[in-house]
Each structure stands twice: as structure tokens, then as C-alpha cells.
Amino acid sequence: MSVWGYCLFQRIVPPIFLFTSIILASAQAPSAPGKPLPPGPVQPKVKAACTSCHNTSRITEQHLTRQQWSDQLEKMEGLGAVIPDSDRNNFLNYLTKNFGPQKGAADPPAKKSGSASN
């Protein structure tokens, strides 16, 4: 290998290695444990459709509106997820009920009583 080729190798390989490491580190392993999905009639179907590519934390940590969940389902279908048309509404009901915006909101602060004692 020439000196020029060796220098080029030294300049290109580290960034490629770093980029690849970042991509691999950010990917979620589907077998990694996640929070369990709440029980329900459609839970096994949601789990089957979603956890073939990532763990359940990807679902449980999001708190989306019904429209946002619908957009996510479309996006995932575009990436290969199989969601039968006959189950789509049930998926949306399940996801919105269990992981809607209201589920992610913090508990409202407790009201203070009118009389403050010092």
C-alpha cells in the first residue's frame, strides 16, 4: 500500500467507524426488554406488529393523539409493518387509550388551602 493510500485509509476509516457505531448504538434491539403493554383484546396484535422491529418502550414512552398514532401506523406500514385494515381502528383505539396525550401528562399540582400557616 502506498503512503498516500495509507493516509487516505487513516482519514476515512475513523469517521466511517464512528458513524456506524452511532447508528448501531441508537438502534433498538427488538429483543431488548421494554415496559409491558397493557392488557386488551388487541394487545397481542399490537405487540406482534410493533415488536418485530423494536421493543415496547418505543410505544410506551410516546403519548400521541389519535391522529399522530394514525400517522405513526402509516409510517410503520411504509417500513414493512403489517397492520390489517380490519384491525386498524382497534389499534388506534388501543394506542390512544393507553398511550394518548392524557397518559403522558403529569398529575396536576395539589391545590393549596386558602389558609396558610407560618
PDB file of N, CA and C in Angstrom:
ATOM      1  N   MET A   1       0.854  -1.174   0.000  1.00  0.00           N
ATOM      2  CA  MET A   1       0.000   0.000   0.000  1.00  0.00           C
ATOM      3  C   MET A   1       0.897   1.234   0.000  1.00  0.00           C
ATOM      4  N   SER A   2       0.563   2.213  -0.805  1.00  0.00           N
ATOM      5  CA  SER A   2       1.365   3.426  -0.885  1.00  0.00           C
ATOM      6  C   SER A   2       1.135   4.303   0.344  1.00  0.00           C
ATOM      7  N   VAL A   3       2.034   5.242   0.549  1.00  0.00           N
ATOM      8  CA  VAL A   3       1.906   6.179   1.669  1.00  0.00           C
ATOM      9  C   VAL A   3       0.621   6.978   1.517  1.00  0.00           C
ATOM     10  N   TRP A   4       0.346   7.400   0.288  1.00  0.00           N
ATOM     11  CA  TRP A   4      -0.878   8.179   0.050  1.00  0.00           C
ATOM     12  C   TRP A   4      -2.115   7.357   0.392  1.00  0.00           C
ATOM     13  N   GLY A   5      -2.141   6.086  -0.017  1.00  0.00           N
ATOM     14  CA  GLY A   5      -3.268   5.204   0.276  1.00  0.00           C
ATOM     15  C   GLY A   5      -3.428   4.974   1.766  1.00  0.00           C
ATOM     16  N   TYR A   6      -2.305   4.847   2.467  1.00  0.00           N
ATOM     17  CA  TYR A   6      -2.357   4.643   3.912  1.00  0.00           C
ATOM     18  C   TYR A   6      -2.922   5.881   4.610  1.00  0.00           C
ATOM     19  N   CYS A   7      -2.513   7.070   4.191  1.00  0.00           N
ATOM     20  CA  CYS A   7      -3.027   8.318   4.774  1.00  0.00           C
ATOM     21  C   CYS A   7      -4.521   8.460   4.519  1.00  0.00           C
ATOM     22  N   LEU A   8      -4.935   8.127   3.314  1.00  0.00           N
ATOM     23  CA  LEU A   8      -6.358   8.191   2.983  1.00  0.00           C
ATOM     24  C   LEU A   8      -7.139   7.219   3.859  1.00  0.00           C
ATOM     25  N   PHE A   9      -6.592   6.019   4.023  1.00  0.00           N
ATOM     26  CA  PHE A   9      -7.214   4.999   4.868  1.00  0.00           C
ATOM     27  C   PHE A   9      -7.372   5.531   6.300  1.00  0.00           C
ATOM     28  N   GLN A  10      -6.325   6.171   6.829  1.00  0.00           N
ATOM     29  CA  GLN A  10      -6.373   6.706   8.188  1.00  0.00           C
ATOM     30  C   GLN A  10      -7.385   7.834   8.327  1.00  0.00           C
ATOM     31  N   ARG A  11      -7.642   8.572   7.289  1.00  0.00           N
ATOM     32  CA  ARG A  11      -8.582   9.695   7.349  1.00  0.00           C
ATOM     33  C   ARG A  11     -10.033   9.254   7.165  1.00  0.00           C
ATOM     34  N   ILE A  12     -10.270   8.199   6.410  1.00  0.00           N
ATOM     35  CA  ILE A  12     -11.632   7.788   6.089  1.00  0.00           C
ATOM     36  C   ILE A  12     -12.190   6.768   7.075  1.00  0.00           C
ATOM     37  N   VAL A  13     -11.397   5.823   7.503  1.00  0.00           N
ATOM     38  CA  VAL A  13     -11.902   4.741   8.343  1.00  0.00           C
ATOM     39  C   VAL A  13     -12.452   5.227   9.688  1.00  0.00           C
ATOM     40  N   PRO A  14     -11.767   6.094  10.438  1.00  0.00           N
ATOM     41  CA  PRO A  14     -12.331   6.507  11.739  1.00  0.00           C
ATOM     42  C   PRO A  14     -13.714   7.159  11.642  1.00  0.00           C
ATOM     43  N   PRO A  15     -13.953   8.082  10.700  1.00  0.00           N
ATOM     44  CA  PRO A  15     -15.314   8.639  10.618  1.00  0.00           C
ATOM     45  C   PRO A  15     -16.368   7.590  10.247  1.00  0.00           C
ATOM     46  N   ILE A  16     -16.004   6.671   9.361  1.00  0.00           N
ATOM     47  CA  ILE A  16     -16.955   5.611   8.993  1.00  0.00           C
ATOM     48  C   ILE A  16     -17.245   4.739  10.203  1.00  0.00           C
ATOM     49  N   PHE A  17     -16.209   4.389  10.943  1.00  0.00           N
ATOM     50  CA  PHE A  17     -16.380   3.582  12.155  1.00  0.00           C
ATOM     51  C   PHE A  17     -17.256   4.322  13.166  1.00  0.00           C
ATOM     52  N   LEU A  18     -16.999   5.604  13.381  1.00  0.00           N
ATOM     53  CA  LEU A  18     -17.779   6.404  14.328  1.00  0.00           C
ATOM     54  C   LEU A  18     -19.244   6.483  13.897  1.00  0.00           C
ATOM     55  N   PHE A  19     -19.478   6.762  12.634  1.00  0.00           N
ATOM     56  CA  PHE A  19     -20.839   6.862  12.115  1.00  0.00           C
ATOM     57  C   PHE A  19     -21.580   5.533  12.288  1.00  0.00           C
ATOM     58  N   THR A  20     -20.922   4.448  11.939  1.00  0.00           N
ATOM     59  CA  THR A  20     -21.530   3.120  12.072  1.00  0.00           C
ATOM     60  C   THR A  20     -21.830   2.805  13.531  1.00  0.00           C
ATOM     61  N   SER A  21     -20.926   3.159  14.422  1.00  0.00           N
ATOM     62  CA  SER A  21     -21.124   2.916  15.852  1.00  0.00           C
ATOM     63  C   SER A  21     -22.327   3.679  16.377  1.00  0.00           C
ATOM     64  N   ILE A  22     -22.474   4.915  15.946  1.00  0.00           N
ATOM     65  CA  ILE A  22     -23.613   5.733  16.389  1.00  0.00           C
ATOM     66  C   ILE A  22     -24.921   5.129  15.901  1.00  0.00           C
ATOM     67  N   ILE A  23     -24.967   4.723  14.654  1.00  0.00           N
ATOM     68  CA  ILE A  23     -26.172   4.115  14.091  1.00  0.00           C
ATOM     69  C   ILE A  23     -26.529   2.847  14.848  1.00  0.00           C
ATOM     70  N   LEU A  24     -25.567   1.999  15.069  1.00  0.00           N
ATOM     71  CA  LEU A  24     -25.828   0.739  15.763  1.00  0.00           C
ATOM     72  C   LEU A  24     -26.212   0.966  17.220  1.00  0.00           C
ATOM     73  N   ALA A  25     -25.608   1.935  17.868  1.00  0.00           N
ATOM     74  CA  ALA A  25     -25.918   2.209  19.262  1.00  0.00           C
ATOM     75  C   ALA A  25     -27.316   2.794  19.424  1.00  0.00           C
ATOM     76  N   SER A  26     -27.778   3.543  18.441  1.00  0.00           N
ATOM     77  CA  SER A  26     -29.093   4.166  18.553  1.00  0.00           C
ATOM     78  C   SER A  26     -30.228   3.229  18.159  1.00  0.00           C
ATOM     79  N   ALA A  27     -29.916   2.157  17.476  1.00  0.00           N
ATOM     80  CA  ALA A  27     -30.945   1.194  17.078  1.00  0.00           C
ATOM     81  C   ALA A  27     -31.420   0.427  18.300  1.00  0.00           C
ATOM     82  N   GLN A  28     -32.731   0.200  18.386  1.00  0.00           N
ATOM     83  CA  GLN A  28     -33.292  -0.566  19.483  1.00  0.00           C
ATOM     84  C   GLN A  28     -33.370  -2.017  19.086  1.00  0.00           C
ATOM     85  N   ALA A  29     -32.836  -2.846  19.909  1.00  0.00           N
ATOM     86  CA  ALA A  29     -32.934  -4.281  19.650  1.00  0.00           C
ATOM     87  C   ALA A  29     -34.349  -4.736  19.964  1.00  0.00           C
ATOM     88  N   PRO A  30     -35.016  -5.434  19.047  1.00  0.00           N
ATOM     89  CA  PRO A  30     -36.374  -5.870  19.323  1.00  0.00           C
ATOM     90  C   PRO A  30     -36.450  -6.837  20.495  1.00  0.00           C
ATOM     91  N   SER A  31     -35.371  -7.523  20.791  1.00  0.00           N
ATOM     92  CA  SER A  31     -35.407  -8.473  21.893  1.00  0.00           C
ATOM     93  C   SER A  31     -35.124  -7.815  23.234  1.00  0.00           C
ATOM     94  N   ALA A  32     -34.733  -6.536  23.227  1.00  0.00           N
ATOM     95  CA  ALA A  32     -34.476  -5.851  24.487  1.00  0.00           C
ATOM     96  C   ALA A  32     -35.778  -5.711  25.258  1.00  0.00           C
ATOM     97  N   PRO A  33     -35.722  -5.928  26.556  1.00  0.00           N
ATOM     98  CA  PRO A  33     -36.960  -5.826  27.328  1.00  0.00           C
ATOM     99  C   PRO A  33     -37.476  -4.393  27.344  1.00  0.00           C
ATOM    100  N   GLY A  34     -38.738  -4.256  27.352  1.00  0.00           N
ATOM    101  CA  GLY A  34     -39.386  -2.961  27.431  1.00  0.00           C
ATOM    102  C   GLY A  34     -40.515  -3.051  28.426  1.00  0.00           C
ATOM    103  N   LYS A  35     -41.170  -1.939  28.620  1.00  0.00           N
ATOM    104  CA  LYS A  35     -42.321  -1.944  29.516  1.00  0.00           C
ATOM    105  C   LYS A  35     -43.410  -2.820  28.910  1.00  0.00           C
ATOM    106  N   PRO A  36     -44.110  -3.575  29.748  1.00  0.00           N
ATOM    107  CA  PRO A  36     -45.176  -4.417  29.192  1.00  0.00           C
ATOM    108  C   PRO A  36     -46.328  -3.563  28.661  1.00  0.00           C
ATOM    109  N   LEU A  37     -46.939  -4.049  27.610  1.00  0.00           N
ATOM    110  CA  LEU A  37     -48.112  -3.367  27.064  1.00  0.00           C
ATOM    111  C   LEU A  37     -49.324  -3.713  27.926  1.00  0.00           C
ATOM    112  N   PRO A  38     -50.210  -2.753  28.161  1.00  0.00           N
ATOM    113  CA  PRO A  38     -51.402  -3.033  28.956  1.00  0.00           C
ATOM    114  C   PRO A  38     -52.255  -4.120  28.296  1.00  0.00           C
ATOM    115  N   PRO A  39     -52.948  -4.916  29.104  1.00  0.00           N
ATOM    116  CA  PRO A  39     -53.801  -5.959  28.534  1.00  0.00           C
ATOM    117  C   PRO A  39     -54.954  -5.374  27.736  1.00  0.00           C
ATOM    118  N   GLY A  40     -55.446  -6.144  26.824  1.00  0.00           N
ATOM    119  CA  GLY A  40     -56.576  -5.745  25.998  1.00  0.00           C
ATOM    120  C   GLY A  40     -56.711  -6.730  24.857  1.00  0.00           C
ATOM    121  N   PRO A  41     -57.873  -6.744  24.225  1.00  0.00           N
ATOM    122  CA  PRO A  41     -58.108  -7.710  23.153  1.00  0.00           C
ATOM    123  C   PRO A  41     -57.139  -7.571  21.980  1.00  0.00           C
ATOM    124  N   VAL A  42     -56.679  -6.373  21.707  1.00  0.00           N
ATOM    125  CA  VAL A  42     -55.806  -6.163  20.544  1.00  0.00           C
ATOM    126  C   VAL A  42     -54.325  -6.137  20.946  1.00  0.00           C
ATOM    127  N   GLN A  43     -54.023  -6.224  22.218  1.00  0.00           N
ATOM    128  CA  GLN A  43     -52.644  -6.151  22.698  1.00  0.00           C
ATOM    129  C   GLN A  43     -51.717  -7.148  22.006  1.00  0.00           C
ATOM    130  N   PRO A  44     -52.107  -8.416  21.854  1.00  0.00           N
ATOM    131  CA  PRO A  44     -51.198  -9.354  21.170  1.00  0.00           C
ATOM    132  C   PRO A  44     -50.901  -8.955  19.721  1.00  0.00           C
ATOM    133  N   LYS A  45     -51.891  -8.375  19.043  1.00  0.00           N
ATOM    134  CA  LYS A  45     -51.680  -7.959  17.652  1.00  0.00           C
ATOM    135  C   LYS A  45     -50.769  -6.741  17.579  1.00  0.00           C
ATOM    136  N   VAL A  46     -50.967  -5.793  18.501  1.00  0.00           N
ATOM    137  CA  VAL A  46     -50.097  -4.610  18.546  1.00  0.00           C
ATOM    138  C   VAL A  46     -48.671  -5.054  18.841  1.00  0.00           C
ATOM    139  N   LYS A  47     -48.539  -5.935  19.820  1.00  0.00           N
ATOM    140  CA  LYS A  47     -47.211  -6.427  20.186  1.00  0.00           C
ATOM    141  C   LYS A  47     -46.546  -7.139  19.007  1.00  0.00           C
ATOM    142  N   ALA A  48     -47.287  -7.982  18.327  1.00  0.00           N
ATOM    143  CA  ALA A  48     -46.728  -8.717  17.187  1.00  0.00           C
ATOM    144  C   ALA A  48     -46.311  -7.777  16.063  1.00  0.00           C
ATOM    145  N   ALA A  49     -47.154  -6.788  15.765  1.00  0.00           N
ATOM    146  CA  ALA A  49     -46.863  -5.880  14.650  1.00  0.00           C
ATOM    147  C   ALA A  49     -45.705  -4.935  14.966  1.00  0.00           C
ATOM    148  N   CYS A  50     -45.599  -4.527  16.227  1.00  0.00           N
ATOM    149  CA  CYS A  50     -44.637  -3.481  16.568  1.00  0.00           C
ATOM    150  C   CYS A  50     -43.294  -4.003  17.057  1.00  0.00           C
ATOM    151  N   THR A  51     -43.307  -5.114  17.788  1.00  0.00           N
ATOM    152  CA  THR A  51     -42.053  -5.564  18.393  1.00  0.00           C
ATOM    153  C   THR A  51     -41.211  -6.430  17.475  1.00  0.00           C
ATOM    154  N   SER A  52     -41.639  -6.605  16.247  1.00  0.00           N
ATOM    155  CA  SER A  52     -40.772  -7.326  15.313  1.00  0.00           C
ATOM    156  C   SER A  52     -39.569  -6.460  14.929  1.00  0.00           C
ATOM    157  N   CYS A  53     -39.701  -5.137  15.107  1.00  0.00           N
ATOM    158  CA  CYS A  53     -38.601  -4.233  14.770  1.00  0.00           C
ATOM    159  C   CYS A  53     -38.014  -3.484  15.963  1.00  0.00           C
ATOM    160  N   HIS A  54     -38.811  -3.243  16.996  1.00  0.00           N
ATOM    161  CA  HIS A  54     -38.298  -2.525  18.160  1.00  0.00           C
ATOM    162  C   HIS A  54     -39.028  -2.979  19.411  1.00  0.00           C
ATOM    163  N   ASN A  55     -38.500  -2.586  20.575  1.00  0.00           N
ATOM    164  CA  ASN A  55     -39.115  -3.045  21.812  1.00  0.00           C
ATOM    165  C   ASN A  55     -40.316  -2.189  22.192  1.00  0.00           C
ATOM    166  N   THR A  56     -41.036  -2.620  23.211  1.00  0.00           N
ATOM    167  CA  THR A  56     -42.285  -1.947  23.588  1.00  0.00           C
ATOM    168  C   THR A  56     -42.070  -0.545  24.142  1.00  0.00           C
ATOM    169  N   SER A  57     -40.871  -0.240  24.607  1.00  0.00           N
ATOM    170  CA  SER A  57     -40.617   1.110  25.125  1.00  0.00           C
ATOM    171  C   SER A  57     -40.838   2.163  24.051  1.00  0.00           C
ATOM    172  N   ARG A  58     -40.631   1.795  22.809  1.00  0.00           N
ATOM    173  CA  ARG A  58     -40.850   2.719  21.698  1.00  0.00           C
ATOM    174  C   ARG A  58     -42.308   3.172  21.664  1.00  0.00           C
ATOM    175  N   ILE A  59     -43.209   2.293  22.128  1.00  0.00           N
ATOM    176  CA  ILE A  59     -44.640   2.615  22.185  1.00  0.00           C
ATOM    177  C   ILE A  59     -44.970   3.290  23.506  1.00  0.00           C
ATOM    178  N   THR A  60     -44.559   2.661  24.608  1.00  0.00           N
ATOM    179  CA  THR A  60     -44.979   3.110  25.937  1.00  0.00           C
ATOM    180  C   THR A  60     -44.447   4.486  26.312  1.00  0.00           C
ATOM    181  N   GLU A  61     -43.367   4.913  25.702  1.00  0.00           N
ATOM    182  CA  GLU A  61     -42.792   6.215  26.042  1.00  0.00           C
ATOM    183  C   GLU A  61     -43.363   7.353  25.207  1.00  0.00           C
ATOM    184  N   GLN A  62     -44.210   7.031  24.232  1.00  0.00           N
ATOM    185  CA  GLN A  62     -44.837   8.073  23.416  1.00  0.00           C
ATOM    186  C   GLN A  62     -46.247   8.329  23.939  1.00  0.00           C
ATOM    187  N   HIS A  63     -46.676   9.535  23.842  1.00  0.00           N
ATOM    188  CA  HIS A  63     -48.036   9.903  24.256  1.00  0.00           C
ATOM    189  C   HIS A  63     -48.603  10.799  23.159  1.00  0.00           C
ATOM    190  N   LEU A  64     -49.209  10.140  22.175  1.00  0.00           N
ATOM    191  CA  LEU A  64     -49.635  10.821  20.957  1.00  0.00           C
ATOM    192  C   LEU A  64     -51.155  10.905  20.861  1.00  0.00           C
ATOM    193  N   THR A  65     -51.611  11.849  20.067  1.00  0.00           N
ATOM    194  CA  THR A  65     -53.040  11.943  19.770  1.00  0.00           C
ATOM    195  C   THR A  65     -53.421  10.809  18.827  1.00  0.00           C
ATOM    196  N   ARG A  66     -54.701  10.607  18.632  1.00  0.00           N
ATOM    197  CA  ARG A  66     -55.166   9.568  17.712  1.00  0.00           C
ATOM    198  C   ARG A  66     -54.608   9.807  16.303  1.00  0.00           C
ATOM    199  N   GLN A  67     -54.622  11.055  15.864  1.00  0.00           N
ATOM    200  CA  GLN A  67     -54.097  11.372  14.531  1.00  0.00           C
ATOM    201  C   GLN A  67     -52.607  11.098  14.455  1.00  0.00           C
ATOM    202  N   GLN A  68     -51.873  11.427  15.493  1.00  0.00           N
ATOM    203  CA  GLN A  68     -50.439  11.158  15.496  1.00  0.00           C
ATOM    204  C   GLN A  68     -50.158   9.654  15.479  1.00  0.00           C
ATOM    205  N   TRP A  69     -50.967   8.874  16.229  1.00  0.00           N
ATOM    206  CA  TRP A  69     -50.806   7.414  16.194  1.00  0.00           C
ATOM    207  C   TRP A  69     -51.127   6.885  14.793  1.00  0.00           C
ATOM    208  N   SER A  70     -52.147   7.459  14.166  1.00  0.00           N
ATOM    209  CA  SER A  70     -52.500   7.050  12.816  1.00  0.00           C
ATOM    210  C   SER A  70     -51.337   7.323  11.859  1.00  0.00           C
ATOM    211  N   ASP A  71     -50.724   8.491  12.009  1.00  0.00           N
ATOM    212  CA  ASP A  71     -49.570   8.826  11.178  1.00  0.00           C
ATOM    213  C   ASP A  71     -48.420   7.852  11.426  1.00  0.00           C
ATOM    214  N   GLN A  72     -48.211   7.479  12.689  1.00  0.00           N
ATOM    215  CA  GLN A  72     -47.153   6.527  13.020  1.00  0.00           C
ATOM    216  C   GLN A  72     -47.432   5.156  12.396  1.00  0.00           C
ATOM    217  N   LEU A  73     -48.693   4.724  12.448  1.00  0.00           N
ATOM    218  CA  LEU A  73     -49.043   3.439  11.841  1.00  0.00           C
ATOM    219  C   LEU A  73     -48.763   3.466  10.338  1.00  0.00           C
ATOM    220  N   GLU A  74     -49.134   4.557   9.684  1.00  0.00           N
ATOM    221  CA  GLU A  74     -48.854   4.678   8.241  1.00  0.00           C
ATOM    222  C   GLU A  74     -47.358   4.629   7.968  1.00  0.00           C
ATOM    223  N   LYS A  75     -46.602   5.338   8.796  1.00  0.00           N
ATOM    224  CA  LYS A  75     -45.145   5.353   8.638  1.00  0.00           C
ATOM    225  C   LYS A  75     -44.581   3.945   8.807  1.00  0.00           C
ATOM    226  N   MET A  76     -45.045   3.237   9.840  1.00  0.00           N
ATOM    227  CA  MET A  76     -44.541   1.895  10.101  1.00  0.00           C
ATOM    228  C   MET A  76     -44.951   0.910   8.997  1.00  0.00           C
ATOM    229  N   GLU A  77     -46.156   1.092   8.468  1.00  0.00           N
ATOM    230  CA  GLU A  77     -46.586   0.249   7.342  1.00  0.00           C
ATOM    231  C   GLU A  77     -45.676   0.485   6.134  1.00  0.00           C
ATOM    232  N   GLY A  78     -45.279   1.732   5.936  1.00  0.00           N
ATOM    233  CA  GLY A  78     -44.365   2.056   4.852  1.00  0.00           C
ATOM    234  C   GLY A  78     -43.001   1.402   5.029  1.00  0.00           C
ATOM    235  N   LEU A  79     -42.677   1.085   6.290  1.00  0.00           N
ATOM    236  CA  LEU A  79     -41.397   0.443   6.587  1.00  0.00           C
ATOM    237  C   LEU A  79     -41.529  -1.073   6.692  1.00  0.00           C
ATOM    238  N   GLY A  80     -42.753  -1.583   6.451  1.00  0.00           N
ATOM    239  CA  GLY A  80     -42.918  -3.033   6.407  1.00  0.00           C
ATOM    240  C   GLY A  80     -43.803  -3.641   7.478  1.00  0.00           C
ATOM    241  N   ALA A  81     -44.299  -2.851   8.416  1.00  0.00           N
ATOM    242  CA  ALA A  81     -45.196  -3.408   9.441  1.00  0.00           C
ATOM    243  C   ALA A  81     -46.495  -3.867   8.775  1.00  0.00           C
ATOM    244  N   VAL A  82     -47.046  -4.955   9.283  1.00  0.00           N
ATOM    245  CA  VAL A  82     -48.291  -5.486   8.740  1.00  0.00           C
ATOM    246  C   VAL A  82     -49.410  -5.190   9.735  1.00  0.00           C
ATOM    247  N   ILE A  83     -50.298  -4.296   9.334  1.00  0.00           N
ATOM    248  CA  ILE A  83     -51.452  -3.922  10.157  1.00  0.00           C
ATOM    249  C   ILE A  83     -52.680  -4.103   9.277  1.00  0.00           C
ATOM    250  N   PRO A  84     -53.429  -5.186   9.497  1.00  0.00           N
ATOM    251  CA  PRO A  84     -54.604  -5.427   8.660  1.00  0.00           C
ATOM    252  C   PRO A  84     -55.597  -4.268   8.752  1.00  0.00           C
ATOM    253  N   ASP A  85     -56.192  -3.916   7.631  1.00  0.00           N
ATOM    254  CA  ASP A  85     -57.181  -2.835   7.607  1.00  0.00           C
ATOM    255  C   ASP A  85     -58.294  -3.079   8.613  1.00  0.00           C
ATOM    256  N   SER A  86     -58.683  -4.347   8.784  1.00  0.00           N
ATOM    257  CA  SER A  86     -59.767  -4.670   9.707  1.00  0.00           C
ATOM    258  C   SER A  86     -59.385  -4.404  11.163  1.00  0.00           C
ATOM    259  N   ASP A  87     -58.083  -4.308  11.468  1.00  0.00           N
ATOM    260  CA  ASP A  87     -57.629  -4.069  12.842  1.00  0.00           C
ATOM    261  C   ASP A  87     -57.179  -2.636  13.082  1.00  0.00           C
ATOM    262  N   ARG A  88     -57.079  -1.857  12.040  1.00  0.00           N
ATOM    263  CA  ARG A  88     -56.523  -0.507  12.171  1.00  0.00           C
ATOM    264  C   ARG A  88     -57.256   0.332  13.218  1.00  0.00           C
ATOM    265  N   ASN A  89     -58.565   0.355  13.188  1.00  0.00           N
ATOM    266  CA  ASN A  89     -59.325   1.150  14.152  1.00  0.00           C
ATOM    267  C   ASN A  89     -59.094   0.638  15.577  1.00  0.00           C
ATOM    268  N   ASN A  90     -59.025  -0.690  15.734  1.00  0.00           N
ATOM    269  CA  ASN A  90     -58.768  -1.259  17.053  1.00  0.00           C
ATOM    270  C   ASN A  90     -57.366  -0.891  17.552  1.00  0.00           C
ATOM    271  N   PHE A  91     -56.389  -0.890  16.655  1.00  0.00           N
ATOM    272  CA  PHE A  91     -55.030  -0.465  17.008  1.00  0.00           C
ATOM    273  C   PHE A  91     -55.072   0.971  17.518  1.00  0.00           C
ATOM    274  N   LEU A  92     -55.744   1.839  16.753  1.00  0.00           N
ATOM    275  CA  LEU A  92     -55.803   3.248  17.132  1.00  0.00           C
ATOM    276  C   LEU A  92     -56.511   3.441  18.467  1.00  0.00           C
ATOM    277  N   ASN A  93     -57.601   2.720  18.685  1.00  0.00           N
ATOM    278  CA  ASN A  93     -58.306   2.822  19.973  1.00  0.00           C
ATOM    279  C   ASN A  93     -57.392   2.408  21.119  1.00  0.00           C
ATOM    280  N   TYR A  94     -56.703   1.288  20.951  1.00  0.00           N
ATOM    281  CA  TYR A  94     -55.812   0.763  21.993  1.00  0.00           C
ATOM    282  C   TYR A  94     -54.666   1.742  22.275  1.00  0.00           C
ATOM    283  N   LEU A  95     -54.003   2.202  21.210  1.00  0.00           N
ATOM    284  CA  LEU A  95     -52.865   3.095  21.384  1.00  0.00           C
ATOM    285  C   LEU A  95     -53.274   4.431  21.994  1.00  0.00           C
ATOM    286  N   THR A  96     -54.394   4.982  21.542  1.00  0.00           N
ATOM    287  CA  THR A  96     -54.845   6.268  22.062  1.00  0.00           C
ATOM    288  C   THR A  96     -55.300   6.144  23.513  1.00  0.00           C
ATOM    289  N   LYS A  97     -56.009   5.069  23.819  1.00  0.00           N
ATOM    290  CA  LYS A  97     -56.480   4.864  25.195  1.00  0.00           C
ATOM    291  C   LYS A  97     -55.311   4.706  26.163  1.00  0.00           C
ATOM    292  N   ASN A  98     -54.327   3.907  25.789  1.00  0.00           N
ATOM    293  CA  ASN A  98     -53.232   3.584  26.697  1.00  0.00           C
ATOM    294  C   ASN A  98     -52.025   4.510  26.601  1.00  0.00           C
ATOM    295  N   PHE A  99     -51.854   5.149  25.446  1.00  0.00           N
ATOM    296  CA  PHE A  99     -50.662   5.975  25.237  1.00  0.00           C
ATOM    297  C   PHE A  99     -51.015   7.296  24.563  1.00  0.00           C
ATOM    298  N   GLY A 100     -52.173   7.832  24.914  1.00  0.00           N
ATOM    299  CA  GLY A 100     -52.586   9.130  24.394  1.00  0.00           C
ATOM    300  C   GLY A 100     -51.938  10.255  25.180  1.00  0.00           C
ATOM    301  N   PRO A 101     -52.165  11.480  24.764  1.00  0.00           N
ATOM    302  CA  PRO A 101     -51.545  12.637  25.433  1.00  0.00           C
ATOM    303  C   PRO A 101     -51.901  12.709  26.916  1.00  0.00           C
ATOM    304  N   GLN A 102     -53.128  12.333  27.265  1.00  0.00           N
ATOM    305  CA  GLN A 102     -53.545  12.418  28.662  1.00  0.00           C
ATOM    306  C   GLN A 102     -52.760  11.466  29.554  1.00  0.00           C
ATOM    307  N   LYS A 103     -52.240  10.363  28.989  1.00  0.00           N
ATOM    308  CA  LYS A 103     -51.472   9.397  29.776  1.00  0.00           C
ATOM    309  C   LYS A 103     -50.063   9.914  30.061  1.00  0.00           C
ATOM    310  N   GLY A 104     -49.603  10.879  29.302  1.00  0.00           N
ATOM    311  CA  GLY A 104     -48.255  11.400  29.492  1.00  0.00           C
ATOM    312  C   GLY A 104     -48.216  12.652  30.346  1.00  0.00           C
ATOM    313  N   ALA A 105     -49.383  13.204  30.627  1.00  0.00           N
ATOM    314  CA  ALA A 105     -49.438  14.429  31.414  1.00  0.00           C
ATOM    315  C   ALA A 105     -49.126  14.126  32.872  1.00  0.00           C
ATOM    316  N   ALA A 106     -48.381  15.000  33.477  1.00  0.00           N
ATOM    317  CA  ALA A 106     -48.076  14.849  34.901  1.00  0.00           C
ATOM    318  C   ALA A 106     -49.335  15.132  35.705  1.00  0.00           C
ATOM    319  N   ASP A 107     -49.405  14.570  36.898  1.00  0.00           N
ATOM    320  CA  ASP A 107     -50.545  14.852  37.761  1.00  0.00           C
ATOM    321  C   ASP A 107     -50.573  16.332  38.072  1.00  0.00           C
ATOM    322  N   PRO A 108     -51.788  16.929  38.058  1.00  0.00           N
ATOM    323  CA  PRO A 108     -51.850  18.358  38.353  1.00  0.00           C
ATOM    324  C   PRO A 108     -51.395  18.612  39.779  1.00  0.00           C
ATOM    325  N   PRO A 109     -50.766  19.770  40.026  1.00  0.00           N
ATOM    326  CA  PRO A 109     -50.314  20.060  41.388  1.00  0.00           C
ATOM    327  C   PRO A 109     -51.503  20.163  42.343  1.00  0.00           C
ATOM    328  N   ALA A 110     -51.281  19.739  43.576  1.00  0.00           N
ATOM    329  CA  ALA A 110     -52.347  19.784  44.587  1.00  0.00           C
ATOM    330  C   ALA A 110     -52.658  21.239  44.908  1.00  0.00           C
ATOM    331  N   LYS A 111     -53.954  21.522  45.056  1.00  0.00           N
ATOM    332  CA  LYS A 111     -54.372  22.874  45.389  1.00  0.00           C
ATOM    333  C   LYS A 111     -53.999  23.172  46.839  1.00  0.00           C
ATOM    334  N   LYS A 112     -53.509  24.372  47.045  1.00  0.00           N
ATOM    335  CA  LYS A 112     -53.174  24.785  48.407  1.00  0.00           C
ATOM    336  C   LYS A 112     -54.431  25.316  49.062  1.00  0.00           C
ATOM    337  N   SER A 113     -54.540  25.088  50.333  1.00  0.00           N
ATOM    338  CA  SER A 113     -55.720  25.585  51.053  1.00  0.00           C
ATOM    339  C   SER A 113     -55.617  27.083  51.192  1.00  0.00           C
ATOM    340  N   GLY A 114     -56.735  27.711  51.401  1.00  0.00           N
ATOM    341  CA  GLY A 114     -56.807  29.168  51.496  1.00  0.00           C
ATOM    342  C   GLY A 114     -56.102  29.719  52.716  1.00  0.00           C
ATOM    343  N   SER A 115     -55.972  28.929  53.770  1.00  0.00           N
ATOM    344  CA  SER A 115     -55.313  29.449  54.971  1.00  0.00           C
ATOM    345  C   SER A 115     -53.899  28.914  55.044  1.00  0.00           C
ATOM    346  N   ALA A 116     -52.980  29.838  55.028  1.00  0.00           N
ATOM    347  CA  ALA A 116     -51.567  29.470  55.119  1.00  0.00           C
ATOM    348  C   ALA A 116     -51.087  29.732  56.539  1.00  0.00           C
ATOM    349  N   SER A 117     -50.477  28.742  57.129  1.00  0.00           N
ATOM    350  CA  SER A 117     -49.966  28.937  58.491  1.00  0.00           C
ATOM    351  C   SER A 117     -48.471  28.994  58.461  1.00  0.00           C
ATOM    352  N   ASN A 118     -47.904  29.973  59.136  1.00  0.00           N
ATOM    353  CA  ASN A 118     -46.441  30.148  59.216  1.00  0.00           C
ATOM    354  C   ASN A 118     -45.973  29.876  60.580  1.00  0.00           C
TER     355      ASN A 118
END
